[in-house]
Amino acid sequence: MRTLNRRELLQATAGLGAVASLAQPGVAGGAGMHMGLVTYMWGAKMDLPTLISACTKSGMLGVELRTQHAHGVEPSLSKAQRAEVKKRFKDSPVTLVGYGSNCEFHSPDPAVLRKNIEETKAYVQLMVDCGGLGVKVKPNTLPKDVPKEKTIEQIGKALNEVAAYGANYGQKIRVEVHGNLTQNPTVMKQIFDVATNKNCYICWNCNDEDLDPPGLDANFAMLKPRFGDTVHVRELNTGEYPYPKLMKLFTGMNYKGWILMEARTEQADKVAAMKEQVAVFKKLIAS
C-alpha cells in the first residue's frame, strides 16, 4: 500500500481541515486496518476524478473499481489511458486496492469457463498497468444439473490457474464469498480445499449466510486461514448484521487490510455518507 506523505496529505485536504483527521488511515485499536470503497453503489456513477476526490474528502483512502461503472476502467483502455489512471492514483492519497470483476467459474460449458479464465487474466494485466493490487472474482452458483462436488472442483482448479497467473505479476486473486449456494461458508471452504494456490484469497462478504449455524465465530474461524487483504461490508450502522462483533474478530486476529464499503442504500450526498461510515468504522475498531 502506498504511504501518504505529509505534503500530499496537506495538498489533498487543503481547505478541508475537518476532513484531514478522517483521512488518516491508521486508527488506534485497529492498526493496519483501513476503510475503502467498492464503487457499487455509491461510486457507480462517478467518473474517475470525481471518485478519487470523493475518497480523498471522505477519508476512504482505498477503492475497488467495479467493471461497467462510470469511471470507465476496463480492459479496452489503451496503454496511454492505463498510464493516466495509474498517474491519477499516484498523484492522490487514494490506493487502487484492485478490481471487482464479474468473472465466475461454475459454468459446465468449457468454452464459457475458459472465457472467464481468460477475462480474469486480462483484468490482471489491467491492474498491473493501472497500479492496482489484485482482482476480485466470485463463484455465483452450483448448477442443479451438475454434481456439487464436480462444480466445486472445477471452480477450485480454475482459481488455481488464475492465481498462478496473477502471482507472476504481483496481483492477488480475491474470491468474494458470494452467490446462490456458493456464499455458504462451508461451500467456500470446500472450494478452497481445492484452490490451494497461496495467491488465492478469501474476501469475506458480510452476507446473512455467514451468520447461519454454527454461527459467525465458527464460520469466521473456518475461513480465516485463507483471508486476504479485502473485506466487503455494507453500511456499518444500518441493518442487523453484528458489525461490532465482526470488527472485534478482525482486530483480534491482527488483520491488516481493507474494509471496503459496498453500499446498499441511495444517498443524495455520497461524500457525507462516506464520511459518516469512516467515523463509525473508527469507533468500531477502537472500541
C-alpha atoms as a PDB file:
ATOM      1  CA  MET A   1       0.000   0.000   0.000  1.00  0.00           C
ATOM      2  CA  ARG A   2       1.339   3.452  -0.928  1.00  0.00           C
ATOM      3  CA  THR A   3       2.437   5.609   2.012  1.00  0.00           C
ATOM      4  CA  LEU A   4       0.898   9.065   2.197  1.00  0.00           C
ATOM      5  CA  ASN A   5       3.466  11.738   2.986  1.00  0.00           C
ATOM      6  CA  ARG A   6       2.679  14.959   4.815  1.00  0.00           C
ATOM      7  CA  ARG A   7       2.948  17.176   1.755  1.00  0.00           C
ATOM      8  CA  GLU A   8       0.491  15.057  -0.196  1.00  0.00           C
ATOM      9  CA  LEU A   9      -1.951  14.959   2.686  1.00  0.00           C
ATOM     10  CA  LEU A  10      -1.889  18.745   3.063  1.00  0.00           C
ATOM     11  CA  GLN A  11      -2.388  19.219  -0.670  1.00  0.00           C
ATOM     12  CA  ALA A  12      -5.224  16.717  -0.837  1.00  0.00           C
ATOM     13  CA  THR A  13      -7.093  18.236   2.069  1.00  0.00           C
ATOM     14  CA  ALA A  14      -6.341  21.920   1.635  1.00  0.00           C
ATOM     15  CA  GLY A  15      -9.271  23.915   2.926  1.00  0.00           C
ATOM     16  CA  LEU A  16     -10.821  20.794   4.400  1.00  0.00           C
ATOM     17  CA  GLY A  17      -9.469  20.849   7.926  1.00  0.00           C
ATOM     18  CA  ALA A  18     -12.438  18.921   9.266  1.00  0.00           C
ATOM     19  CA  VAL A  19     -11.724  16.125   6.800  1.00  0.00           C
ATOM     20  CA  ALA A  20      -7.995  15.837   7.480  1.00  0.00           C
ATOM     21  CA  SER A  21      -8.473  13.830  10.641  1.00  0.00           C
ATOM     22  CA  LEU A  22     -10.663  11.353   8.759  1.00  0.00           C
ATOM     23  CA  ALA A  23      -8.012  10.891   6.091  1.00  0.00           C
ATOM     24  CA  GLN A  24      -5.532   9.298   8.495  1.00  0.00           C
ATOM     25  CA  PRO A  25      -5.520   5.574   7.678  1.00  0.00           C
ATOM     26  CA  GLY A  26      -4.040   4.376  10.949  1.00  0.00           C
ATOM     27  CA  VAL A  27      -6.600   4.148  13.781  1.00  0.00           C
ATOM     28  CA  ALA A  28      -5.950   3.274  17.413  1.00  0.00           C
ATOM     29  CA  GLY A  29      -7.081  -0.235  18.240  1.00  0.00           C
ATOM     30  CA  GLY A  30      -7.102  -1.341  14.615  1.00  0.00           C
ATOM     31  CA  ALA A  31      -3.627  -0.562  13.342  1.00  0.00           C
ATOM     32  CA  GLY A  32      -3.249  -1.944   9.854  1.00  0.00           C
ATOM     33  CA  MET A  33      -6.983  -1.866   9.093  1.00  0.00           C
ATOM     34  CA  HIS A  34      -8.151   0.750   6.610  1.00  0.00           C
ATOM     35  CA  MET A  35     -11.518   1.698   5.194  1.00  0.00           C
ATOM     36  CA  GLY A  36     -12.123   2.000   1.486  1.00  0.00           C
ATOM     37  CA  LEU A  37     -14.908   1.909  -1.085  1.00  0.00           C
ATOM     38  CA  VAL A  38     -16.253  -0.617  -3.546  1.00  0.00           C
ATOM     39  CA  THR A  39     -17.709   1.525  -6.313  1.00  0.00           C
ATOM     40  CA  TYR A  40     -21.051  -0.303  -6.066  1.00  0.00           C
ATOM     41  CA  MET A  41     -23.369   1.657  -5.339  1.00  0.00           C
ATOM     42  CA  TRP A  42     -22.041   4.995  -4.158  1.00  0.00           C
ATOM     43  CA  GLY A  43     -19.273   5.320  -6.715  1.00  0.00           C
ATOM     44  CA  ALA A  44     -21.011   3.660  -9.651  1.00  0.00           C
ATOM     45  CA  LYS A  45     -21.956   6.915 -11.381  1.00  0.00           C
ATOM     46  CA  MET A  46     -18.731   8.831 -10.609  1.00  0.00           C
ATOM     47  CA  ASP A  47     -16.092   9.371 -13.248  1.00  0.00           C
ATOM     48  CA  LEU A  48     -12.548   8.669 -12.078  1.00  0.00           C
ATOM     49  CA  PRO A  49     -11.563  12.232 -10.996  1.00  0.00           C
ATOM     50  CA  THR A  50     -14.828  12.590  -9.055  1.00  0.00           C
ATOM     51  CA  LEU A  51     -14.357   9.199  -7.440  1.00  0.00           C
ATOM     52  CA  ILE A  52     -10.796   9.928  -6.310  1.00  0.00           C
ATOM     53  CA  SER A  53     -11.915  13.317  -4.993  1.00  0.00           C
ATOM     54  CA  ALA A  54     -14.787  11.750  -3.015  1.00  0.00           C
ATOM     55  CA  CYS A  55     -12.465   9.160  -1.478  1.00  0.00           C
ATOM     56  CA  THR A  56      -9.922  11.846  -0.569  1.00  0.00           C
ATOM     57  CA  LYS A  57     -12.503  14.142   1.026  1.00  0.00           C
ATOM     58  CA  SER A  58     -14.215  11.381   2.975  1.00  0.00           C
ATOM     59  CA  GLY A  59     -11.157   9.524   4.250  1.00  0.00           C
ATOM     60  CA  MET A  60     -11.953   6.303   2.389  1.00  0.00           C
ATOM     61  CA  LEU A  61      -8.447   6.132   1.027  1.00  0.00           C
ATOM     62  CA  GLY A  62      -8.733   2.945  -0.975  1.00  0.00           C
ATOM     63  CA  VAL A  63     -11.027   1.851  -3.776  1.00  0.00           C
ATOM     64  CA  GLU A  64     -12.019  -1.350  -5.560  1.00  0.00           C
ATOM     65  CA  LEU A  65     -13.162  -0.384  -9.030  1.00  0.00           C
ATOM     66  CA  ARG A  66     -16.087  -2.313 -10.467  1.00  0.00           C
ATOM     67  CA  THR A  67     -16.499  -3.225 -14.098  1.00  0.00           C
ATOM     68  CA  GLN A  68     -19.177  -1.389 -16.128  1.00  0.00           C
ATOM     69  CA  HIS A  69     -19.165   1.657 -13.853  1.00  0.00           C
ATOM     70  CA  ALA A  70     -18.819   5.303 -14.875  1.00  0.00           C
ATOM     71  CA  HIS A  71     -15.099   5.522 -14.049  1.00  0.00           C
ATOM     72  CA  GLY A  72     -14.554   3.539 -17.255  1.00  0.00           C
ATOM     73  CA  VAL A  73     -11.542   1.498 -16.169  1.00  0.00           C
ATOM     74  CA  GLU A  74     -11.861  -1.531 -18.441  1.00  0.00           C
ATOM     75  CA  PRO A  75      -9.545  -3.883 -20.375  1.00  0.00           C
ATOM     76  CA  SER A  76     -10.379  -1.890 -23.522  1.00  0.00           C
ATOM     77  CA  LEU A  77      -8.227   1.019 -22.296  1.00  0.00           C
ATOM     78  CA  SER A  78      -5.095   1.748 -24.288  1.00  0.00           C
ATOM     79  CA  LYS A  79      -1.628   1.712 -22.718  1.00  0.00           C
ATOM     80  CA  ALA A  80      -1.698   5.510 -22.569  1.00  0.00           C
ATOM     81  CA  GLN A  81      -5.107   5.546 -20.889  1.00  0.00           C
ATOM     82  CA  ARG A  82      -3.959   2.961 -18.351  1.00  0.00           C
ATOM     83  CA  ALA A  83      -0.912   5.078 -17.589  1.00  0.00           C
ATOM     84  CA  GLU A  84      -3.215   8.039 -16.975  1.00  0.00           C
ATOM     85  CA  VAL A  85      -5.293   6.006 -14.499  1.00  0.00           C
ATOM     86  CA  LYS A  86      -2.114   4.991 -12.681  1.00  0.00           C
ATOM     87  CA  LYS A  87      -0.935   8.601 -12.543  1.00  0.00           C
ATOM     88  CA  ARG A  88      -4.241   9.849 -11.154  1.00  0.00           C
ATOM     89  CA  PHE A  89      -3.959   7.451  -8.234  1.00  0.00           C
ATOM     90  CA  LYS A  90      -0.254   8.095  -7.740  1.00  0.00           C
ATOM     91  CA  ASP A  91      -0.909  11.839  -7.543  1.00  0.00           C
ATOM     92  CA  SER A  92      -3.600  11.321  -4.893  1.00  0.00           C
ATOM     93  CA  PRO A  93      -3.684   9.811  -1.385  1.00  0.00           C
ATOM     94  CA  VAL A  94      -6.028   7.079  -2.648  1.00  0.00           C
ATOM     95  CA  THR A  95      -4.840   3.485  -3.154  1.00  0.00           C
ATOM     96  CA  LEU A  96      -6.161   1.475  -6.086  1.00  0.00           C
ATOM     97  CA  VAL A  97      -6.870  -1.621  -3.996  1.00  0.00           C
ATOM     98  CA  GLY A  98      -7.876  -3.579  -7.070  1.00  0.00           C
ATOM     99  CA  TYR A  99     -10.601  -4.525  -9.473  1.00  0.00           C
ATOM    100  CA  GLY A 100     -14.025  -6.043  -8.943  1.00  0.00           C
ATOM    101  CA  SER A 101     -14.730  -8.312 -11.894  1.00  0.00           C
ATOM    102  CA  ASN A 102     -17.768 -10.464 -12.639  1.00  0.00           C
ATOM    103  CA  CYS A 103     -15.634 -13.468 -13.575  1.00  0.00           C
ATOM    104  CA  GLU A 104     -17.048 -16.777 -12.394  1.00  0.00           C
ATOM    105  CA  PHE A 105     -16.014 -20.384 -12.899  1.00  0.00           C
ATOM    106  CA  HIS A 106     -19.051 -22.604 -12.360  1.00  0.00           C
ATOM    107  CA  SER A 107     -20.360 -22.997 -15.913  1.00  0.00           C
ATOM    108  CA  PRO A 108     -20.481 -26.594 -17.200  1.00  0.00           C
ATOM    109  CA  ASP A 109     -19.771 -25.227 -20.697  1.00  0.00           C
ATOM    110  CA  PRO A 110     -15.971 -25.481 -21.225  1.00  0.00           C
ATOM    111  CA  ALA A 111     -15.980 -22.515 -23.609  1.00  0.00           C
ATOM    112  CA  VAL A 112     -17.708 -20.267 -21.043  1.00  0.00           C
ATOM    113  CA  LEU A 113     -15.328 -21.429 -18.327  1.00  0.00           C
ATOM    114  CA  ARG A 114     -12.282 -20.692 -20.500  1.00  0.00           C
ATOM    115  CA  LYS A 115     -13.699 -17.262 -21.423  1.00  0.00           C
ATOM    116  CA  ASN A 116     -13.971 -16.333 -17.734  1.00  0.00           C
ATOM    117  CA  ILE A 117     -10.450 -17.554 -17.002  1.00  0.00           C
ATOM    118  CA  GLU A 118      -9.011 -15.510 -19.863  1.00  0.00           C
ATOM    119  CA  GLU A 119     -11.034 -12.447 -18.835  1.00  0.00           C
ATOM    120  CA  THR A 120      -9.587 -12.734 -15.336  1.00  0.00           C
ATOM    121  CA  LYS A 121      -6.099 -12.715 -16.831  1.00  0.00           C
ATOM    122  CA  ALA A 122      -6.998  -9.592 -18.814  1.00  0.00           C
ATOM    123  CA  TYR A 123      -8.092  -7.878 -15.596  1.00  0.00           C
ATOM    124  CA  VAL A 124      -4.782  -8.880 -14.009  1.00  0.00           C
ATOM    125  CA  GLN A 125      -2.972  -7.098 -16.825  1.00  0.00           C
ATOM    126  CA  LEU A 126      -5.256  -4.094 -16.426  1.00  0.00           C
ATOM    127  CA  MET A 127      -4.343  -3.802 -12.757  1.00  0.00           C
ATOM    128  CA  VAL A 128      -0.647  -4.231 -13.486  1.00  0.00           C
ATOM    129  CA  ASP A 129      -0.825  -1.301 -15.886  1.00  0.00           C
ATOM    130  CA  CYS A 130      -3.034   0.849 -13.636  1.00  0.00           C
ATOM    131  CA  GLY A 131      -1.105   0.244 -10.422  1.00  0.00           C
ATOM    132  CA  GLY A 132      -3.703  -1.928  -8.674  1.00  0.00           C
ATOM    133  CA  LEU A 133      -3.043  -4.720  -6.213  1.00  0.00           C
ATOM    134  CA  GLY A 134      -5.392  -7.531  -7.244  1.00  0.00           C
ATOM    135  CA  VAL A 135      -8.532  -8.796  -8.951  1.00  0.00           C
ATOM    136  CA  LYS A 136     -11.753  -9.941  -7.312  1.00  0.00           C
ATOM    137  CA  VAL A 137     -13.620 -12.887  -8.772  1.00  0.00           C
ATOM    138  CA  LYS A 138     -16.641 -14.768  -7.477  1.00  0.00           C
ATOM    139  CA  PRO A 139     -18.452 -18.056  -7.552  1.00  0.00           C
ATOM    140  CA  ASN A 140     -22.101 -17.431  -8.373  1.00  0.00           C
ATOM    141  CA  THR A 141     -23.897 -20.751  -8.117  1.00  0.00           C
ATOM    142  CA  LEU A 142     -23.765 -24.525  -8.216  1.00  0.00           C
ATOM    143  CA  PRO A 143     -25.692 -25.674 -11.322  1.00  0.00           C
ATOM    144  CA  LYS A 144     -28.535 -28.010 -10.409  1.00  0.00           C
ATOM    145  CA  ASP A 145     -27.847 -30.482 -13.181  1.00  0.00           C
ATOM    146  CA  VAL A 146     -24.183 -30.994 -12.242  1.00  0.00           C
ATOM    147  CA  PRO A 147     -22.920 -32.873  -9.176  1.00  0.00           C
ATOM    148  CA  LYS A 148     -21.956 -30.370  -6.500  1.00  0.00           C
ATOM    149  CA  GLU A 149     -18.546 -31.935  -5.987  1.00  0.00           C
ATOM    150  CA  LYS A 150     -17.717 -31.657  -9.693  1.00  0.00           C
ATOM    151  CA  THR A 151     -18.511 -27.930  -9.813  1.00  0.00           C
ATOM    152  CA  ILE A 152     -16.585 -27.242  -6.607  1.00  0.00           C
ATOM    153  CA  GLU A 153     -13.532 -28.997  -8.051  1.00  0.00           C
ATOM    154  CA  GLN A 154     -13.872 -27.084 -11.318  1.00  0.00           C
ATOM    155  CA  ILE A 155     -14.062 -23.720  -9.528  1.00  0.00           C
ATOM    156  CA  GLY A 156     -11.074 -24.582  -7.353  1.00  0.00           C
ATOM    157  CA  LYS A 157      -8.921 -25.657 -10.305  1.00  0.00           C
ATOM    158  CA  ALA A 158      -9.828 -22.514 -12.242  1.00  0.00           C
ATOM    159  CA  LEU A 159      -8.866 -20.414  -9.239  1.00  0.00           C
ATOM    160  CA  ASN A 160      -5.507 -22.174  -9.077  1.00  0.00           C
ATOM    161  CA  GLU A 161      -4.867 -21.268 -12.714  1.00  0.00           C
ATOM    162  CA  VAL A 162      -5.718 -17.585 -12.397  1.00  0.00           C
ATOM    163  CA  ALA A 163      -3.945 -17.324  -9.029  1.00  0.00           C
ATOM    164  CA  ALA A 164      -0.746 -18.723 -10.532  1.00  0.00           C
ATOM    165  CA  TYR A 165      -1.075 -16.255 -13.396  1.00  0.00           C
ATOM    166  CA  GLY A 166      -1.665 -13.359 -11.002  1.00  0.00           C
ATOM    167  CA  ALA A 167       1.332 -14.332  -8.882  1.00  0.00           C
ATOM    168  CA  ASN A 168       3.580 -13.867 -11.917  1.00  0.00           C
ATOM    169  CA  TYR A 169       2.558 -10.200 -11.957  1.00  0.00           C
ATOM    170  CA  GLY A 170       2.266  -9.490  -8.233  1.00  0.00           C
ATOM    171  CA  GLN A 171      -1.538  -9.432  -8.369  1.00  0.00           C
ATOM    172  CA  LYS A 172      -3.677 -11.148  -5.731  1.00  0.00           C
ATOM    173  CA  ILE A 173      -6.746 -13.148  -6.712  1.00  0.00           C
ATOM    174  CA  ARG A 174      -9.543 -12.401  -4.223  1.00  0.00           C
ATOM    175  CA  VAL A 175     -12.576 -14.656  -4.123  1.00  0.00           C
ATOM    176  CA  GLU A 176     -15.711 -12.991  -2.798  1.00  0.00           C
ATOM    177  CA  VAL A 177     -17.936 -15.154  -0.594  1.00  0.00           C
ATOM    178  CA  HIS A 178     -20.830 -14.721  -2.970  1.00  0.00           C
ATOM    179  CA  GLY A 179     -23.627 -16.355  -4.909  1.00  0.00           C
ATOM    180  CA  ASN A 180     -26.520 -18.749  -4.730  1.00  0.00           C
ATOM    181  CA  LEU A 181     -25.330 -21.707  -2.621  1.00  0.00           C
ATOM    182  CA  THR A 182     -21.666 -20.742  -3.034  1.00  0.00           C
ATOM    183  CA  GLN A 183     -21.838 -17.975  -0.424  1.00  0.00           C
ATOM    184  CA  ASN A 184     -22.312 -20.676   2.202  1.00  0.00           C
ATOM    185  CA  PRO A 185     -19.069 -20.695   4.245  1.00  0.00           C
ATOM    186  CA  THR A 186     -18.880 -24.488   4.156  1.00  0.00           C
ATOM    187  CA  VAL A 187     -19.048 -24.488   0.350  1.00  0.00           C
ATOM    188  CA  MET A 188     -16.401 -21.764   0.219  1.00  0.00           C
ATOM    189  CA  LYS A 189     -14.178 -23.885   2.456  1.00  0.00           C
ATOM    190  CA  GLN A 190     -14.656 -26.837   0.086  1.00  0.00           C
ATOM    191  CA  ILE A 191     -13.695 -24.659  -2.883  1.00  0.00           C
ATOM    192  CA  PHE A 192     -10.539 -23.553  -1.106  1.00  0.00           C
ATOM    193  CA  ASP A 193      -9.659 -27.123  -0.219  1.00  0.00           C
ATOM    194  CA  VAL A 194      -9.138 -27.450  -3.992  1.00  0.00           C
ATOM    195  CA  ALA A 195      -7.863 -23.895  -4.602  1.00  0.00           C
ATOM    196  CA  THR A 196      -4.572 -24.459  -2.799  1.00  0.00           C
ATOM    197  CA  ASN A 197      -2.522 -21.803  -4.608  1.00  0.00           C
ATOM    198  CA  LYS A 198      -1.288 -19.378  -1.949  1.00  0.00           C
ATOM    199  CA  ASN A 199      -2.047 -16.392  -4.167  1.00  0.00           C
ATOM    200  CA  CYS A 200      -5.780 -17.147  -3.920  1.00  0.00           C
ATOM    201  CA  TYR A 201      -7.532 -15.393  -1.022  1.00  0.00           C
ATOM    202  CA  ILE A 202     -10.993 -15.240   0.509  1.00  0.00           C
ATOM    203  CA  CYS A 203     -12.786 -11.887   0.580  1.00  0.00           C
ATOM    204  CA  TRP A 204     -15.289 -12.017   3.482  1.00  0.00           C
ATOM    205  CA  ASN A 205     -18.576 -10.564   2.264  1.00  0.00           C
ATOM    206  CA  CYS A 206     -20.939  -9.984   5.238  1.00  0.00           C
ATOM    207  CA  ASN A 207     -23.885 -11.883   3.820  1.00  0.00           C
ATOM    208  CA  ASP A 208     -26.527 -13.306   6.132  1.00  0.00           C
ATOM    209  CA  GLU A 209     -25.445 -16.886   5.472  1.00  0.00           C
ATOM    210  CA  ASP A 210     -22.237 -16.351   7.395  1.00  0.00           C
ATOM    211  CA  LEU A 211     -24.454 -15.983  10.485  1.00  0.00           C
ATOM    212  CA  ASP A 212     -26.156 -19.352   9.968  1.00  0.00           C
ATOM    213  CA  PRO A 213     -25.295 -22.311  12.230  1.00  0.00           C
ATOM    214  CA  PRO A 214     -22.723 -22.922  13.566  1.00  0.00           C
ATOM    215  CA  GLY A 215     -22.638 -19.096  13.733  1.00  0.00           C
ATOM    216  CA  LEU A 216     -20.381 -16.154  12.939  1.00  0.00           C
ATOM    217  CA  ASP A 217     -17.494 -17.162  15.205  1.00  0.00           C
ATOM    218  CA  ALA A 218     -17.233 -20.697  13.822  1.00  0.00           C
ATOM    219  CA  ASN A 219     -17.721 -19.663  10.180  1.00  0.00           C
ATOM    220  CA  PHE A 220     -15.144 -16.904  10.575  1.00  0.00           C
ATOM    221  CA  ALA A 221     -12.633 -19.305  12.123  1.00  0.00           C
ATOM    222  CA  MET A 222     -13.212 -21.841   9.327  1.00  0.00           C
ATOM    223  CA  LEU A 223     -12.329 -19.372   6.566  1.00  0.00           C
ATOM    224  CA  LYS A 224      -9.796 -17.223   8.419  1.00  0.00           C
ATOM    225  CA  PRO A 225      -6.697 -19.176   7.331  1.00  0.00           C
ATOM    226  CA  ARG A 226      -7.312 -18.103   3.721  1.00  0.00           C
ATOM    227  CA  PHE A 227      -8.307 -14.474   4.293  1.00  0.00           C
ATOM    228  CA  GLY A 228      -6.539 -11.930   2.117  1.00  0.00           C
ATOM    229  CA  ASP A 229      -6.423  -8.151   2.429  1.00  0.00           C
ATOM    230  CA  THR A 230     -10.005  -7.244   1.462  1.00  0.00           C
ATOM    231  CA  VAL A 231     -13.357  -7.489   3.236  1.00  0.00           C
ATOM    232  CA  HIS A 232     -16.712  -6.339   1.872  1.00  0.00           C
ATOM    233  CA  VAL A 233     -19.143  -4.741   4.315  1.00  0.00           C
ATOM    234  CA  ARG A 234     -22.454  -2.899   3.958  1.00  0.00           C
ATOM    235  CA  GLU A 235     -23.399   0.275   5.839  1.00  0.00           C
ATOM    236  CA  LEU A 236     -21.969  -0.256   9.314  1.00  0.00           C
ATOM    237  CA  ASN A 237     -24.788   1.486  11.170  1.00  0.00           C
ATOM    238  CA  THR A 238     -27.845   0.033   9.412  1.00  0.00           C
ATOM    239  CA  GLY A 239     -29.438  -3.388   9.379  1.00  0.00           C
ATOM    240  CA  GLU A 240     -28.963  -6.234  11.837  1.00  0.00           C
ATOM    241  CA  TYR A 241     -25.564  -7.585  10.876  1.00  0.00           C
ATOM    242  CA  PRO A 242     -23.323  -7.747  14.012  1.00  0.00           C
ATOM    243  CA  TYR A 243     -20.573  -5.436  12.792  1.00  0.00           C
ATOM    244  CA  PRO A 244     -19.196  -4.718  16.304  1.00  0.00           C
ATOM    245  CA  LYS A 245     -18.610  -8.443  16.740  1.00  0.00           C
ATOM    246  CA  LEU A 246     -17.131  -8.815  13.261  1.00  0.00           C
ATOM    247  CA  MET A 247     -14.690  -5.948  13.802  1.00  0.00           C
ATOM    248  CA  LYS A 248     -13.680  -7.496  17.115  1.00  0.00           C
ATOM    249  CA  LEU A 249     -12.892 -10.734  15.289  1.00  0.00           C
ATOM    250  CA  PHE A 250     -10.735  -8.887  12.765  1.00  0.00           C
ATOM    251  CA  THR A 251      -8.892  -6.821  15.329  1.00  0.00           C
ATOM    252  CA  GLY A 252      -8.443  -9.977  17.394  1.00  0.00           C
ATOM    253  CA  MET A 253      -6.574 -11.652  14.533  1.00  0.00           C
ATOM    254  CA  ASN A 254      -4.474  -8.507  13.960  1.00  0.00           C
ATOM    255  CA  TYR A 255      -5.979  -8.183  10.493  1.00  0.00           C
ATOM    256  CA  LYS A 256      -4.086  -5.876   8.176  1.00  0.00           C
ATOM    257  CA  GLY A 257      -6.089  -4.951   5.130  1.00  0.00           C
ATOM    258  CA  TRP A 258      -9.004  -3.079   3.645  1.00  0.00           C
ATOM    259  CA  ILE A 259     -12.568  -2.954   4.952  1.00  0.00           C
ATOM    260  CA  LEU A 260     -14.393  -1.955   1.775  1.00  0.00           C
ATOM    261  CA  MET A 261     -17.835  -0.353   1.812  1.00  0.00           C
ATOM    262  CA  GLU A 262     -20.224  -1.986  -0.651  1.00  0.00           C
ATOM    263  CA  ALA A 263     -23.233   0.218  -0.048  1.00  0.00           C
ATOM    264  CA  ARG A 264     -26.845  -0.859  -0.438  1.00  0.00           C
ATOM    265  CA  THR A 265     -28.600   2.483   0.087  1.00  0.00           C
ATOM    266  CA  GLU A 266     -29.079   5.511  -2.118  1.00  0.00           C
ATOM    267  CA  GLN A 267     -27.604   8.725  -0.710  1.00  0.00           C
ATOM    268  CA  ALA A 268     -28.005  12.221  -2.134  1.00  0.00           C
ATOM    269  CA  ASP A 269     -24.670  13.358  -0.669  1.00  0.00           C
ATOM    270  CA  LYS A 270     -22.260  10.494  -1.226  1.00  0.00           C
ATOM    271  CA  VAL A 271     -19.258  12.211   0.351  1.00  0.00           C
ATOM    272  CA  ALA A 272     -21.181  12.966   3.545  1.00  0.00           C
ATOM    273  CA  ALA A 273     -22.372   9.349   3.679  1.00  0.00           C
ATOM    274  CA  MET A 274     -18.819   8.113   3.197  1.00  0.00           C
ATOM    275  CA  LYS A 275     -17.549  10.393   5.977  1.00  0.00           C
ATOM    276  CA  GLU A 276     -20.216   9.023   8.287  1.00  0.00           C
ATOM    277  CA  GLN A 277     -19.151   5.447   7.595  1.00  0.00           C
ATOM    278  CA  VAL A 278     -15.487   6.266   8.234  1.00  0.00           C
ATOM    279  CA  ALA A 279     -16.450   7.737  11.609  1.00  0.00           C
ATOM    280  CA  VAL A 280     -18.487   4.631  12.509  1.00  0.00           C
ATOM    281  CA  PHE A 281     -15.614   2.394  11.383  1.00  0.00           C
ATOM    282  CA  LYS A 282     -13.130   4.244  13.599  1.00  0.00           C
ATOM    283  CA  LYS A 283     -15.368   3.825  16.608  1.00  0.00           C
ATOM    284  CA  LEU A 284     -15.901   0.126  15.937  1.00  0.00           C
ATOM    285  CA  ILE A 285     -12.248  -0.792  15.660  1.00  0.00           C
ATOM    286  CA  ALA A 286     -11.182   1.411  18.552  1.00  0.00           C
ATOM    287  CA  SER A 287     -13.741   0.020  20.997  1.00  0.00           C
END
